[in-house]
Amino acid sequence: MDLECGSYLTYHAKSAVLQKKLGMSEIDRALQNLFSIRMRLGLFDGNPTRLSFGLIGSNHVCSKEHQYLALEAARNGIVLLKNSPTLLPLPKTSPSISLAVIGPNANSSPLTLLGNYAGPPCKYVTILQGFRHYVKNAFYHPGCDGGPKCSSAQIDQAVEVAKKVDYVVLVMGLDQSEEREERDRVHLDLPGKQLELINGVAEASKKPVILVLLSGGPLDITSAKYNHKIGGILWAGYPGELGGIALAQIIFGDHNPGDFSFVFDYE
């Protein structure tokens, strides 16, 4: 390993060298690899502002072309894992359709969609806002206390919301309080009471629900896979500033999520 983006080497590498557990030749090799890459990138070729990318500012980052690229990356990064034949895409022509967006990640802060290693977004669209572009009657309930940790769940309240609508989207998964640099998870289960919330809402809904997962690492969703009341499952990763629009476009059939096109029937 040539580079560790946390504090472990800062705290322990010198001690390892002094104890002769880590040789200086290994450190020299790592530094040579890291600096040779920087040289190839031209980072030592003089005044940075005069290099090819030295004058990039917010006016470039937030251009229409780059915002479209952010949207395209989000759309093509979302993966459809399960779809009942008659569920997705949802109808977008009926003005009377009602939708519930439930879950700790449904209307969360910008940091949730951005994940790790992200600059400030040019604009930010939550998942709930994305769905409200398509559905006037879109209702929201967090379902959990404490975000994705979901130490306690408001299952009864979420069930009542789910009972009143035509379709339900559950937006669950993780955020940086559960996983990030220097914060590894020790199990693959959904945190806290999330699974109980999913099962309770799915059982009460009129139609099979759509489960959306935000995460950077793997999650065990075996029970959801085999639950006939969960008709659709999508993994969205951390889809960025326009992830809310991207997800809505996929669920309402305006974008096809790549290699899983055989699952959707748009005709």
C-alpha atoms as a PDB file:
ATOM      1  CA  MET A   1       0.000   0.000   0.000  1.00  0.00           C
ATOM      2  CA  ASP A   2       1.592   3.271  -1.126  1.00  0.00           C
ATOM      3  CA  LEU A   3      -1.013   5.673   0.244  1.00  0.00           C
ATOM      4  CA  GLU A   4      -3.385   5.601   3.212  1.00  0.00           C
ATOM      5  CA  CYS A   5      -5.912   8.436   3.306  1.00  0.00           C
ATOM      6  CA  GLY A   6      -6.403   8.404   7.040  1.00  0.00           C
ATOM      7  CA  SER A   7      -4.278   8.963  10.137  1.00  0.00           C
ATOM      8  CA  TYR A   8      -3.015   5.419  10.814  1.00  0.00           C
ATOM      9  CA  LEU A   9       0.371   5.816   9.097  1.00  0.00           C
ATOM     10  CA  THR A  10       0.817   9.277  10.600  1.00  0.00           C
ATOM     11  CA  TYR A  11       0.483   7.847  14.085  1.00  0.00           C
ATOM     12  CA  HIS A  12       2.204   4.477  13.678  1.00  0.00           C
ATOM     13  CA  ALA A  13       4.703   4.462  10.772  1.00  0.00           C
ATOM     14  CA  LYS A  14       7.588   6.099  12.662  1.00  0.00           C
ATOM     15  CA  SER A  15       7.199   3.670  15.552  1.00  0.00           C
ATOM     16  CA  ALA A  16       7.167   0.747  13.118  1.00  0.00           C
ATOM     17  CA  VAL A  17      10.420   1.958  11.550  1.00  0.00           C
ATOM     18  CA  LEU A  18      12.104   2.411  14.931  1.00  0.00           C
ATOM     19  CA  GLN A  19      11.054  -1.114  15.906  1.00  0.00           C
ATOM     20  CA  LYS A  20      12.402  -2.380  12.571  1.00  0.00           C
ATOM     21  CA  LYS A  21       8.969  -3.709  11.618  1.00  0.00           C
ATOM     22  CA  LEU A  22       8.919  -1.447   8.567  1.00  0.00           C
ATOM     23  CA  GLY A  23      11.948  -0.941   6.375  1.00  0.00           C
ATOM     24  CA  MET A  24      12.952   2.430   4.939  1.00  0.00           C
ATOM     25  CA  SER A  25      13.179   0.801   1.505  1.00  0.00           C
ATOM     26  CA  GLU A  26       9.415   0.223   1.585  1.00  0.00           C
ATOM     27  CA  ILE A  27       8.805   3.867   2.430  1.00  0.00           C
ATOM     28  CA  ASP A  28      11.160   4.960  -0.369  1.00  0.00           C
ATOM     29  CA  ARG A  29       9.321   2.724  -2.844  1.00  0.00           C
ATOM     30  CA  ALA A  30       5.957   4.201  -1.853  1.00  0.00           C
ATOM     31  CA  LEU A  31       7.246   7.773  -2.149  1.00  0.00           C
ATOM     32  CA  GLN A  32       8.817   7.070  -5.525  1.00  0.00           C
ATOM     33  CA  ASN A  33       5.518   5.713  -6.845  1.00  0.00           C
ATOM     34  CA  LEU A  34       3.496   8.627  -5.487  1.00  0.00           C
ATOM     35  CA  PHE A  35       5.818  11.391  -6.699  1.00  0.00           C
ATOM     36  CA  SER A  36       6.407   9.836 -10.116  1.00  0.00           C
ATOM     37  CA  ILE A  37       2.644   9.907 -10.700  1.00  0.00           C
ATOM     38  CA  ARG A  38       2.511  13.567  -9.680  1.00  0.00           C
ATOM     39  CA  MET A  39       5.350  14.320 -12.086  1.00  0.00           C
ATOM     40  CA  ARG A  40       3.516  12.563 -14.910  1.00  0.00           C
ATOM     41  CA  LEU A  41       0.496  14.730 -14.140  1.00  0.00           C
ATOM     42  CA  GLY A  42       2.645  17.847 -14.522  1.00  0.00           C
ATOM     43  CA  LEU A  43       2.252  19.027 -10.940  1.00  0.00           C
ATOM     44  CA  PHE A  44       5.908  20.132 -10.786  1.00  0.00           C
ATOM     45  CA  ASP A  45       6.010  21.904 -14.136  1.00  0.00           C
ATOM     46  CA  GLY A  46       5.984  25.467 -12.852  1.00  0.00           C
ATOM     47  CA  ASN A  47       3.260  27.916 -11.861  1.00  0.00           C
ATOM     48  CA  PRO A  48       0.082  25.806 -11.312  1.00  0.00           C
ATOM     49  CA  THR A  49      -2.173  28.567 -12.675  1.00  0.00           C
ATOM     50  CA  ARG A  50      -0.418  28.339 -16.051  1.00  0.00           C
ATOM     51  CA  LEU A  51      -0.962  24.606 -16.437  1.00  0.00           C
ATOM     52  CA  SER A  52      -3.777  22.983 -18.403  1.00  0.00           C
ATOM     53  CA  PHE A  53      -6.224  22.816 -15.515  1.00  0.00           C
ATOM     54  CA  GLY A  54      -4.793  25.594 -13.372  1.00  0.00           C
ATOM     55  CA  LEU A  55      -7.577  28.111 -13.818  1.00  0.00           C
ATOM     56  CA  ILE A  56     -10.625  25.929 -13.240  1.00  0.00           C
ATOM     57  CA  GLY A  57     -13.109  27.812 -11.100  1.00  0.00           C
ATOM     58  CA  SER A  58     -16.716  27.485  -9.993  1.00  0.00           C
ATOM     59  CA  ASN A  59     -17.898  28.935 -13.310  1.00  0.00           C
ATOM     60  CA  HIS A  60     -16.418  25.867 -15.034  1.00  0.00           C
ATOM     61  CA  VAL A  61     -17.478  23.315 -12.437  1.00  0.00           C
ATOM     62  CA  CYS A  62     -21.060  24.565 -12.362  1.00  0.00           C
ATOM     63  CA  SER A  63     -21.484  24.951 -16.113  1.00  0.00           C
ATOM     64  CA  LYS A  64     -24.532  23.369 -17.718  1.00  0.00           C
ATOM     65  CA  GLU A  65     -22.292  20.791 -19.400  1.00  0.00           C
ATOM     66  CA  HIS A  66     -20.769  19.668 -16.118  1.00  0.00           C
ATOM     67  CA  GLN A  67     -24.087  19.592 -14.279  1.00  0.00           C
ATOM     68  CA  TYR A  68     -25.445  17.394 -17.043  1.00  0.00           C
ATOM     69  CA  LEU A  69     -22.388  15.175 -16.633  1.00  0.00           C
ATOM     70  CA  ALA A  70     -23.151  14.881 -12.906  1.00  0.00           C
ATOM     71  CA  LEU A  71     -26.712  13.845 -13.750  1.00  0.00           C
ATOM     72  CA  GLU A  72     -25.537  11.343 -16.373  1.00  0.00           C
ATOM     73  CA  ALA A  73     -23.038   9.798 -13.958  1.00  0.00           C
ATOM     74  CA  ALA A  74     -25.748   9.425 -11.315  1.00  0.00           C
ATOM     75  CA  ARG A  75     -28.209   7.841 -13.758  1.00  0.00           C
ATOM     76  CA  ASN A  76     -25.689   5.350 -15.088  1.00  0.00           C
ATOM     77  CA  GLY A  77     -24.415   4.449 -11.622  1.00  0.00           C
ATOM     78  CA  ILE A  78     -27.797   3.304 -10.272  1.00  0.00           C
ATOM     79  CA  VAL A  79     -28.363  -0.453 -10.518  1.00  0.00           C
ATOM     80  CA  LEU A  80     -31.702  -2.231 -10.727  1.00  0.00           C
ATOM     81  CA  LEU A  81     -31.537  -5.396  -8.621  1.00  0.00           C
ATOM     82  CA  LYS A  82     -35.159  -6.543  -8.640  1.00  0.00           C
ATOM     83  CA  ASN A  83     -38.333  -5.673 -10.515  1.00  0.00           C
ATOM     84  CA  SER A  84     -41.718  -7.309 -10.506  1.00  0.00           C
ATOM     85  CA  PRO A  85     -43.067  -7.428 -14.081  1.00  0.00           C
ATOM     86  CA  THR A  86     -45.942  -5.030 -13.490  1.00  0.00           C
ATOM     87  CA  LEU A  87     -44.316  -2.542 -11.096  1.00  0.00           C
ATOM     88  CA  LEU A  88     -41.575  -0.495 -12.779  1.00  0.00           C
ATOM     89  CA  PRO A  89     -41.543   1.959 -14.350  1.00  0.00           C
ATOM     90  CA  LEU A  90     -44.253   3.794 -12.455  1.00  0.00           C
ATOM     91  CA  PRO A  91     -46.934   5.586 -14.510  1.00  0.00           C
ATOM     92  CA  LYS A  92     -46.219   9.266 -15.067  1.00  0.00           C
ATOM     93  CA  THR A  93     -49.261  10.162 -17.181  1.00  0.00           C
ATOM     94  CA  SER A  94     -51.861   9.953 -14.417  1.00  0.00           C
ATOM     95  CA  PRO A  95     -52.263  13.308 -12.615  1.00  0.00           C
ATOM     96  CA  SER A  96     -54.008  11.623  -9.692  1.00  0.00           C
ATOM     97  CA  ILE A  97     -51.240   9.173  -8.751  1.00  0.00           C
ATOM     98  CA  SER A  98     -50.116   9.421  -5.116  1.00  0.00           C
ATOM     99  CA  LEU A  99     -46.733   8.417  -3.751  1.00  0.00           C
ATOM    100  CA  ALA A 100     -45.133   8.058  -0.329  1.00  0.00           C
ATOM    101  CA  VAL A 101     -41.379   8.501   0.018  1.00  0.00           C
ATOM    102  CA  ILE A 102     -40.396   6.951   3.332  1.00  0.00           C
ATOM    103  CA  GLY A 103     -37.078   6.370   5.046  1.00  0.00           C
ATOM    104  CA  PRO A 104     -34.120   8.034   6.769  1.00  0.00           C
ATOM    105  CA  ASN A 105     -32.414   8.852   3.442  1.00  0.00           C
ATOM    106  CA  ALA A 106     -35.503  10.099   1.600  1.00  0.00           C
ATOM    107  CA  ASN A 107     -35.001  13.785   2.390  1.00  0.00           C
ATOM    108  CA  SER A 108     -31.608  13.830   4.089  1.00  0.00           C
ATOM    109  CA  SER A 109     -28.820  16.413   4.055  1.00  0.00           C
ATOM    110  CA  PRO A 110     -26.582  17.001   1.032  1.00  0.00           C
ATOM    111  CA  LEU A 111     -23.764  15.042   2.689  1.00  0.00           C
ATOM    112  CA  THR A 112     -25.767  11.830   2.414  1.00  0.00           C
ATOM    113  CA  LEU A 113     -26.020  11.889  -1.373  1.00  0.00           C
ATOM    114  CA  LEU A 114     -22.477  13.175  -1.813  1.00  0.00           C
ATOM    115  CA  GLY A 115     -20.723  10.534   0.261  1.00  0.00           C
ATOM    116  CA  ASN A 116     -16.959  10.895   0.849  1.00  0.00           C
ATOM    117  CA  TYR A 117     -14.503  12.949  -1.231  1.00  0.00           C
ATOM    118  CA  ALA A 118     -16.873  15.535  -2.674  1.00  0.00           C
ATOM    119  CA  GLY A 119     -16.687  19.269  -3.143  1.00  0.00           C
ATOM    120  CA  PRO A 120     -19.611  21.610  -2.450  1.00  0.00           C
ATOM    121  CA  PRO A 121     -22.450  20.932  -4.901  1.00  0.00           C
ATOM    122  CA  CYS A 122     -23.526  23.502  -7.462  1.00  0.00           C
ATOM    123  CA  LYS A 123     -27.136  22.688  -6.763  1.00  0.00           C
ATOM    124  CA  TYR A 124     -28.707  19.993  -4.642  1.00  0.00           C
ATOM    125  CA  VAL A 125     -31.817  17.903  -5.246  1.00  0.00           C
ATOM    126  CA  THR A 126     -32.985  15.513  -2.542  1.00  0.00           C
ATOM    127  CA  ILE A 127     -34.666  12.267  -3.455  1.00  0.00           C
ATOM    128  CA  LEU A 128     -37.997  13.629  -2.245  1.00  0.00           C
ATOM    129  CA  GLN A 129     -37.611  16.731  -4.431  1.00  0.00           C
ATOM    130  CA  GLY A 130     -36.782  14.507  -7.404  1.00  0.00           C
ATOM    131  CA  PHE A 131     -40.026  12.597  -7.031  1.00  0.00           C
ATOM    132  CA  ARG A 132     -42.031  15.797  -6.636  1.00  0.00           C
ATOM    133  CA  HIS A 133     -40.989  16.722 -10.183  1.00  0.00           C
ATOM    134  CA  TYR A 134     -43.197  13.826 -11.285  1.00  0.00           C
ATOM    135  CA  VAL A 135     -45.883  13.470  -8.607  1.00  0.00           C
ATOM    136  CA  LYS A 136     -47.863  16.331  -7.148  1.00  0.00           C
ATOM    137  CA  ASN A 137     -49.228  14.137  -4.374  1.00  0.00           C
ATOM    138  CA  ALA A 138     -45.869  12.995  -2.938  1.00  0.00           C
ATOM    139  CA  PHE A 139     -45.858  12.508   0.821  1.00  0.00           C
ATOM    140  CA  TYR A 140     -42.832  12.082   3.071  1.00  0.00           C
ATOM    141  CA  HIS A 141     -42.087  10.350   6.364  1.00  0.00           C
ATOM    142  CA  PRO A 142     -38.578   9.730   7.805  1.00  0.00           C
ATOM    143  CA  GLY A 143     -39.593   6.432   9.367  1.00  0.00           C
ATOM    144  CA  CYS A 144     -36.599   6.437  11.724  1.00  0.00           C
ATOM    145  CA  ASP A 145     -35.216   8.522  14.555  1.00  0.00           C
ATOM    146  CA  GLY A 146     -31.550   9.409  14.260  1.00  0.00           C
ATOM    147  CA  GLY A 147     -31.146   9.006  10.511  1.00  0.00           C
ATOM    148  CA  PRO A 148     -29.814   5.723   9.065  1.00  0.00           C
ATOM    149  CA  LYS A 149     -28.732   4.538  12.510  1.00  0.00           C
ATOM    150  CA  CYS A 150     -32.488   4.107  13.062  1.00  0.00           C
ATOM    151  CA  SER A 151     -32.166   3.348  16.757  1.00  0.00           C
ATOM    152  CA  SER A 152     -35.942   3.571  16.942  1.00  0.00           C
ATOM    153  CA  ALA A 153     -38.464   3.430  14.134  1.00  0.00           C
ATOM    154  CA  GLN A 154     -41.801   5.206  13.741  1.00  0.00           C
ATOM    155  CA  ILE A 155     -43.311   2.179  12.058  1.00  0.00           C
ATOM    156  CA  ASP A 156     -46.964   2.837  12.940  1.00  0.00           C
ATOM    157  CA  GLN A 157     -46.837   6.393  11.580  1.00  0.00           C
ATOM    158  CA  ALA A 158     -45.030   5.318   8.419  1.00  0.00           C
ATOM    159  CA  VAL A 159     -47.577   2.527   7.881  1.00  0.00           C
ATOM    160  CA  GLU A 160     -50.452   4.997   8.079  1.00  0.00           C
ATOM    161  CA  VAL A 161     -48.809   7.144   5.394  1.00  0.00           C
ATOM    162  CA  ALA A 162     -48.191   4.085   3.202  1.00  0.00           C
ATOM    163  CA  LYS A 163     -51.811   2.925   3.441  1.00  0.00           C
ATOM    164  CA  LYS A 164     -53.125   6.167   1.913  1.00  0.00           C
ATOM    165  CA  VAL A 165     -51.111   6.205  -1.325  1.00  0.00           C
ATOM    166  CA  ASP A 166     -50.886   4.248  -4.565  1.00  0.00           C
ATOM    167  CA  TYR A 167     -47.138   3.592  -4.460  1.00  0.00           C
ATOM    168  CA  VAL A 168     -44.409   3.580  -1.821  1.00  0.00           C
ATOM    169  CA  VAL A 169     -40.680   4.172  -2.245  1.00  0.00           C
ATOM    170  CA  LEU A 170     -38.539   3.261   0.764  1.00  0.00           C
ATOM    171  CA  VAL A 171     -35.170   5.049   0.802  1.00  0.00           C
ATOM    172  CA  MET A 172     -32.905   3.237   3.234  1.00  0.00           C
ATOM    173  CA  GLY A 173     -29.243   2.300   3.625  1.00  0.00           C
ATOM    174  CA  LEU A 174     -26.228   4.095   5.070  1.00  0.00           C
ATOM    175  CA  ASP A 175     -24.524   7.469   5.361  1.00  0.00           C
ATOM    176  CA  GLN A 176     -21.193   8.729   6.662  1.00  0.00           C
ATOM    177  CA  SER A 177     -22.210   8.120  10.267  1.00  0.00           C
ATOM    178  CA  GLU A 178     -22.170   4.416   9.339  1.00  0.00           C
ATOM    179  CA  GLU A 179     -19.317   4.223   6.810  1.00  0.00           C
ATOM    180  CA  ARG A 180     -16.557   6.544   5.634  1.00  0.00           C
ATOM    181  CA  GLU A 181     -12.796   6.871   5.628  1.00  0.00           C
ATOM    182  CA  GLU A 182     -11.512   5.251   8.860  1.00  0.00           C
ATOM    183  CA  ARG A 183     -15.010   4.015   9.740  1.00  0.00           C
ATOM    184  CA  ASP A 184     -15.437   0.418   8.645  1.00  0.00           C
ATOM    185  CA  ARG A 185     -18.540  -1.619   9.326  1.00  0.00           C
ATOM    186  CA  VAL A 186     -18.333  -4.942  11.143  1.00  0.00           C
ATOM    187  CA  HIS A 187     -21.553  -6.445   9.745  1.00  0.00           C
ATOM    188  CA  LEU A 188     -23.581  -6.335   6.531  1.00  0.00           C
ATOM    189  CA  ASP A 189     -27.044  -5.847   8.025  1.00  0.00           C
ATOM    190  CA  LEU A 190     -29.123  -2.712   7.603  1.00  0.00           C
ATOM    191  CA  PRO A 191     -28.593  -0.553  10.719  1.00  0.00           C
ATOM    192  CA  GLY A 192     -30.936  -0.423  13.668  1.00  0.00           C
ATOM    193  CA  LYS A 193     -34.638  -0.893  13.001  1.00  0.00           C
ATOM    194  CA  GLN A 194     -34.475  -0.345   9.245  1.00  0.00           C
ATOM    195  CA  LEU A 195     -35.445  -3.894   8.336  1.00  0.00           C
ATOM    196  CA  GLU A 196     -38.432  -3.798  10.692  1.00  0.00           C
ATOM    197  CA  LEU A 197     -39.543  -0.547   9.080  1.00  0.00           C
ATOM    198  CA  ILE A 198     -39.180  -2.013   5.578  1.00  0.00           C
ATOM    199  CA  ASN A 199     -41.179  -5.117   6.436  1.00  0.00           C
ATOM    200  CA  GLY A 200     -43.905  -3.192   8.270  1.00  0.00           C
ATOM    201  CA  VAL A 201     -44.460  -0.672   5.475  1.00  0.00           C
ATOM    202  CA  ALA A 202     -44.252  -3.303   2.741  1.00  0.00           C
ATOM    203  CA  GLU A 203     -46.858  -5.465   4.418  1.00  0.00           C
ATOM    204  CA  ALA A 204     -49.281  -2.532   4.784  1.00  0.00           C
ATOM    205  CA  SER A 205     -48.936  -0.983   1.319  1.00  0.00           C
ATOM    206  CA  LYS A 206     -51.538  -1.484  -1.404  1.00  0.00           C
ATOM    207  CA  LYS A 207     -48.954  -2.534  -3.989  1.00  0.00           C
ATOM    208  CA  PRO A 208     -45.444  -3.973  -3.653  1.00  0.00           C
ATOM    209  CA  VAL A 209     -43.017  -1.278  -2.536  1.00  0.00           C
ATOM    210  CA  ILE A 210     -39.825  -0.043  -4.202  1.00  0.00           C
ATOM    211  CA  LEU A 211     -36.724  -0.263  -2.015  1.00  0.00           C
ATOM    212  CA  VAL A 212     -33.849   2.155  -2.732  1.00  0.00           C
ATOM    213  CA  LEU A 213     -30.509   1.651  -1.001  1.00  0.00           C
ATOM    214  CA  LEU A 214     -27.846   4.312  -0.515  1.00  0.00           C
ATOM    215  CA  SER A 215     -24.466   2.883   0.460  1.00  0.00           C
ATOM    216  CA  GLY A 216     -20.849   2.667  -0.538  1.00  0.00           C
ATOM    217  CA  GLY A 217     -20.316  -0.804   0.890  1.00  0.00           C
ATOM    218  CA  PRO A 218     -22.262  -4.064   0.624  1.00  0.00           C
ATOM    219  CA  LEU A 219     -25.534  -4.732   2.437  1.00  0.00           C
ATOM    220  CA  ASP A 220     -27.279  -8.028   3.077  1.00  0.00           C
ATOM    221  CA  ILE A 221     -30.797  -7.643   1.660  1.00  0.00           C
ATOM    222  CA  THR A 222     -31.602 -11.334   1.310  1.00  0.00           C
ATOM    223  CA  SER A 223     -34.937 -10.970   3.071  1.00  0.00           C
ATOM    224  CA  ALA A 224     -35.984  -8.137   0.736  1.00  0.00           C
ATOM    225  CA  LYS A 225     -34.982 -10.150  -2.310  1.00  0.00           C
ATOM    226  CA  TYR A 226     -37.435 -12.923  -1.422  1.00  0.00           C
ATOM    227  CA  ASN A 227     -40.216 -10.725  -0.017  1.00  0.00           C
ATOM    228  CA  HIS A 228     -43.042 -10.634  -2.575  1.00  0.00           C
ATOM    229  CA  LYS A 229     -44.271  -7.346  -1.080  1.00  0.00           C
ATOM    230  CA  ILE A 230     -41.033  -5.691  -2.190  1.00  0.00           C
ATOM    231  CA  GLY A 231     -41.455  -5.421  -5.938  1.00  0.00           C
ATOM    232  CA  GLY A 232     -38.420  -3.338  -6.868  1.00  0.00           C
ATOM    233  CA  ILE A 233     -34.916  -2.891  -5.442  1.00  0.00           C
ATOM    234  CA  LEU A 234     -32.411  -0.306  -6.655  1.00  0.00           C
ATOM    235  CA  TRP A 235     -28.893   0.343  -5.376  1.00  0.00           C
ATOM    236  CA  ALA A 236     -27.996   4.001  -5.855  1.00  0.00           C
ATOM    237  CA  GLY A 237     -24.618   4.268  -4.140  1.00  0.00           C
ATOM    238  CA  TYR A 238     -24.105   7.916  -3.190  1.00  0.00           C
ATOM    239  CA  PRO A 239     -25.384   9.493  -6.410  1.00  0.00           C
ATOM    240  CA  GLY A 240     -24.289  13.097  -5.866  1.00  0.00           C
ATOM    241  CA  GLU A 241     -25.917  16.498  -6.178  1.00  0.00           C
ATOM    242  CA  LEU A 242     -28.483  15.479  -8.820  1.00  0.00           C
ATOM    243  CA  GLY A 243     -29.061  11.972  -7.521  1.00  0.00           C
ATOM    244  CA  GLY A 244     -32.647  12.811  -6.601  1.00  0.00           C
ATOM    245  CA  ILE A 245     -33.479  13.651 -10.209  1.00  0.00           C
ATOM    246  CA  ALA A 246     -31.593  10.636 -11.554  1.00  0.00           C
ATOM    247  CA  LEU A 247     -33.447   8.202  -9.311  1.00  0.00           C
ATOM    248  CA  ALA A 248     -36.853   9.670 -10.161  1.00  0.00           C
ATOM    249  CA  GLN A 249     -36.085   9.518 -13.887  1.00  0.00           C
ATOM    250  CA  ILE A 250     -35.244   5.826 -13.610  1.00  0.00           C
ATOM    251  CA  ILE A 251     -38.264   4.900 -11.504  1.00  0.00           C
ATOM    252  CA  PHE A 252     -40.622   6.758 -13.862  1.00  0.00           C
ATOM    253  CA  GLY A 253     -39.021   5.315 -16.982  1.00  0.00           C
ATOM    254  CA  ASP A 254     -37.265   8.358 -18.433  1.00  0.00           C
ATOM    255  CA  HIS A 255     -33.903   6.628 -18.130  1.00  0.00           C
ATOM    256  CA  ASN A 256     -33.003   2.978 -18.414  1.00  0.00           C
ATOM    257  CA  PRO A 257     -30.398   1.756 -15.904  1.00  0.00           C
ATOM    258  CA  GLY A 258     -27.905   0.216 -18.274  1.00  0.00           C
ATOM    259  CA  ASP A 259     -27.401  -3.517 -18.484  1.00  0.00           C
ATOM    260  CA  PHE A 260     -30.675  -4.300 -16.738  1.00  0.00           C
ATOM    261  CA  SER A 261     -32.771  -3.010 -19.647  1.00  0.00           C
ATOM    262  CA  PHE A 262     -34.296  -6.423 -20.188  1.00  0.00           C
ATOM    263  CA  VAL A 263     -36.144  -6.027 -16.906  1.00  0.00           C
ATOM    264  CA  PHE A 264     -37.982  -2.854 -17.905  1.00  0.00           C
ATOM    265  CA  ASP A 265     -40.664  -2.822 -20.569  1.00  0.00           C
ATOM    266  CA  TYR A 266     -41.304   0.734 -21.753  1.00  0.00           C
ATOM    267  CA  GLU A 267     -43.529  -0.021 -24.726  1.00  0.00           C
END
